[in-house]
Every structure is written in C-alpha cells, then in structure tokens.
Amino acid sequence: VQLSFNTASAQAFGVLATTPAIHAAAVARLADRAKALSAR
C-alpha cells in the first residue's frame, strides 16, 4: 500500500480512523496539531 499526499509536508487533516481501544489516546495525541491546523 502506498499513501500519496498533495502537500510537501505529507500531512493530512481530516478523518482519524482507529480501533476503539486506542481512539481516545489518538485524539488526545493529535489534538494540539488539529487545533493549530484548523486555525489557519
């Protein structure tokens, strides 16, 4: 599987897909980055 990004920084902002067991931890880990990106 190859992922392709449309930005040079290879960051995607949008859907977060995780298993239920790690969802809360993933949201917490990415919260600051999501806030910064949504403020642009």
N, C-alpha and C. Protein backbone atom coordinates (compact mmCIF):
# COMPACT_ATOMS: atom_id res chain seq x y z
N VAL A 1 0.85 -1.18 0.00
CA VAL A 1 0.00 0.00 0.00
C VAL A 1 0.89 1.23 0.00
N GLN A 2 0.57 2.17 -0.85
CA GLN A 2 1.31 3.42 -0.92
C GLN A 2 0.36 4.57 -0.65
N LEU A 3 0.76 5.47 0.24
CA LEU A 3 -0.02 6.67 0.51
C LEU A 3 0.59 7.83 -0.24
N SER A 4 -0.23 8.60 -0.89
CA SER A 4 0.24 9.79 -1.61
C SER A 4 -0.42 11.02 -1.00
N PHE A 5 0.35 12.06 -0.81
CA PHE A 5 -0.15 13.30 -0.23
C PHE A 5 -0.08 14.41 -1.26
N ASN A 6 -0.97 15.38 -1.11
CA ASN A 6 -0.97 16.51 -2.04
C ASN A 6 -0.27 17.73 -1.45
N THR A 7 0.51 17.54 -0.39
CA THR A 7 1.30 18.62 0.18
C THR A 7 2.73 18.15 0.37
N ALA A 8 3.65 19.09 0.33
CA ALA A 8 5.06 18.74 0.51
C ALA A 8 5.36 18.21 1.90
N SER A 9 4.61 18.67 2.91
CA SER A 9 4.87 18.23 4.28
C SER A 9 4.27 16.86 4.59
N ALA A 10 3.52 16.30 3.65
CA ALA A 10 2.91 14.96 3.81
C ALA A 10 2.04 14.86 5.05
N GLN A 11 1.26 15.89 5.29
CA GLN A 11 0.32 15.87 6.40
C GLN A 11 -1.09 15.91 5.86
N ALA A 12 -1.96 15.13 6.45
CA ALA A 12 -3.37 15.13 6.07
C ALA A 12 -4.20 15.54 7.28
N PHE A 13 -5.17 16.39 7.07
CA PHE A 13 -6.05 16.82 8.14
C PHE A 13 -7.46 16.44 7.76
N GLY A 14 -8.09 15.62 8.55
CA GLY A 14 -9.43 15.18 8.19
C GLY A 14 -9.91 14.04 9.04
N VAL A 15 -9.96 12.87 8.49
CA VAL A 15 -10.54 11.72 9.16
C VAL A 15 -9.48 10.98 9.97
N LEU A 16 -9.84 10.62 11.18
CA LEU A 16 -8.97 9.81 12.03
C LEU A 16 -9.63 8.44 12.18
N ALA A 17 -8.99 7.42 11.68
CA ALA A 17 -9.53 6.06 11.77
C ALA A 17 -8.66 5.25 12.71
N THR A 18 -9.25 4.79 13.80
CA THR A 18 -8.52 3.99 14.79
C THR A 18 -9.43 2.87 15.29
N THR A 19 -8.85 1.97 16.04
CA THR A 19 -9.66 0.98 16.73
C THR A 19 -10.25 1.64 17.98
N PRO A 20 -11.37 1.15 18.47
CA PRO A 20 -11.96 1.74 19.67
C PRO A 20 -11.01 1.77 20.86
N ALA A 21 -10.15 0.79 20.96
CA ALA A 21 -9.25 0.70 22.11
C ALA A 21 -8.25 1.84 22.18
N ILE A 22 -7.86 2.41 21.04
CA ILE A 22 -6.86 3.49 21.06
C ILE A 22 -7.41 4.83 20.60
N HIS A 23 -8.72 4.91 20.35
CA HIS A 23 -9.30 6.15 19.80
C HIS A 23 -9.05 7.36 20.71
N ALA A 24 -9.36 7.25 21.98
CA ALA A 24 -9.20 8.38 22.90
C ALA A 24 -7.74 8.83 22.97
N ALA A 25 -6.82 7.90 23.01
CA ALA A 25 -5.40 8.24 23.06
C ALA A 25 -4.95 8.91 21.77
N ALA A 26 -5.45 8.45 20.64
CA ALA A 26 -5.09 9.06 19.35
C ALA A 26 -5.62 10.48 19.24
N VAL A 27 -6.85 10.69 19.67
CA VAL A 27 -7.43 12.04 19.66
C VAL A 27 -6.62 12.96 20.56
N ALA A 28 -6.29 12.50 21.74
CA ALA A 28 -5.51 13.33 22.67
C ALA A 28 -4.14 13.66 22.10
N ARG A 29 -3.51 12.70 21.47
CA ARG A 29 -2.17 12.91 20.91
C ARG A 29 -2.19 13.93 19.77
N LEU A 30 -3.25 13.94 18.97
CA LEU A 30 -3.31 14.81 17.80
C LEU A 30 -4.08 16.11 18.03
N ALA A 31 -4.62 16.32 19.21
CA ALA A 31 -5.48 17.48 19.47
C ALA A 31 -4.78 18.81 19.22
N ASP A 32 -3.58 18.99 19.72
CA ASP A 32 -2.87 20.26 19.53
C ASP A 32 -2.57 20.52 18.06
N ARG A 33 -2.17 19.50 17.32
CA ARG A 33 -1.89 19.66 15.90
C ARG A 33 -3.17 20.02 15.14
N ALA A 34 -4.28 19.37 15.49
CA ALA A 34 -5.55 19.67 14.83
C ALA A 34 -6.00 21.10 15.11
N LYS A 35 -5.83 21.56 16.34
CA LYS A 35 -6.19 22.94 16.68
C LYS A 35 -5.36 23.93 15.88
N ALA A 36 -4.07 23.68 15.77
CA ALA A 36 -3.19 24.58 15.02
C ALA A 36 -3.55 24.60 13.53
N LEU A 37 -3.84 23.44 12.96
CA LEU A 37 -4.19 23.38 11.54
C LEU A 37 -5.54 24.01 11.26
N SER A 38 -6.48 23.87 12.18
CA SER A 38 -7.82 24.43 11.94
C SER A 38 -7.83 25.95 12.12
N ALA A 39 -6.82 26.50 12.77
CA ALA A 39 -6.75 27.95 12.98
C ALA A 39 -6.18 28.68 11.77
N ARG A 40 -5.65 27.96 10.81
CA ARG A 40 -5.04 28.59 9.63
C ARG A 40 -6.03 29.30 8.80
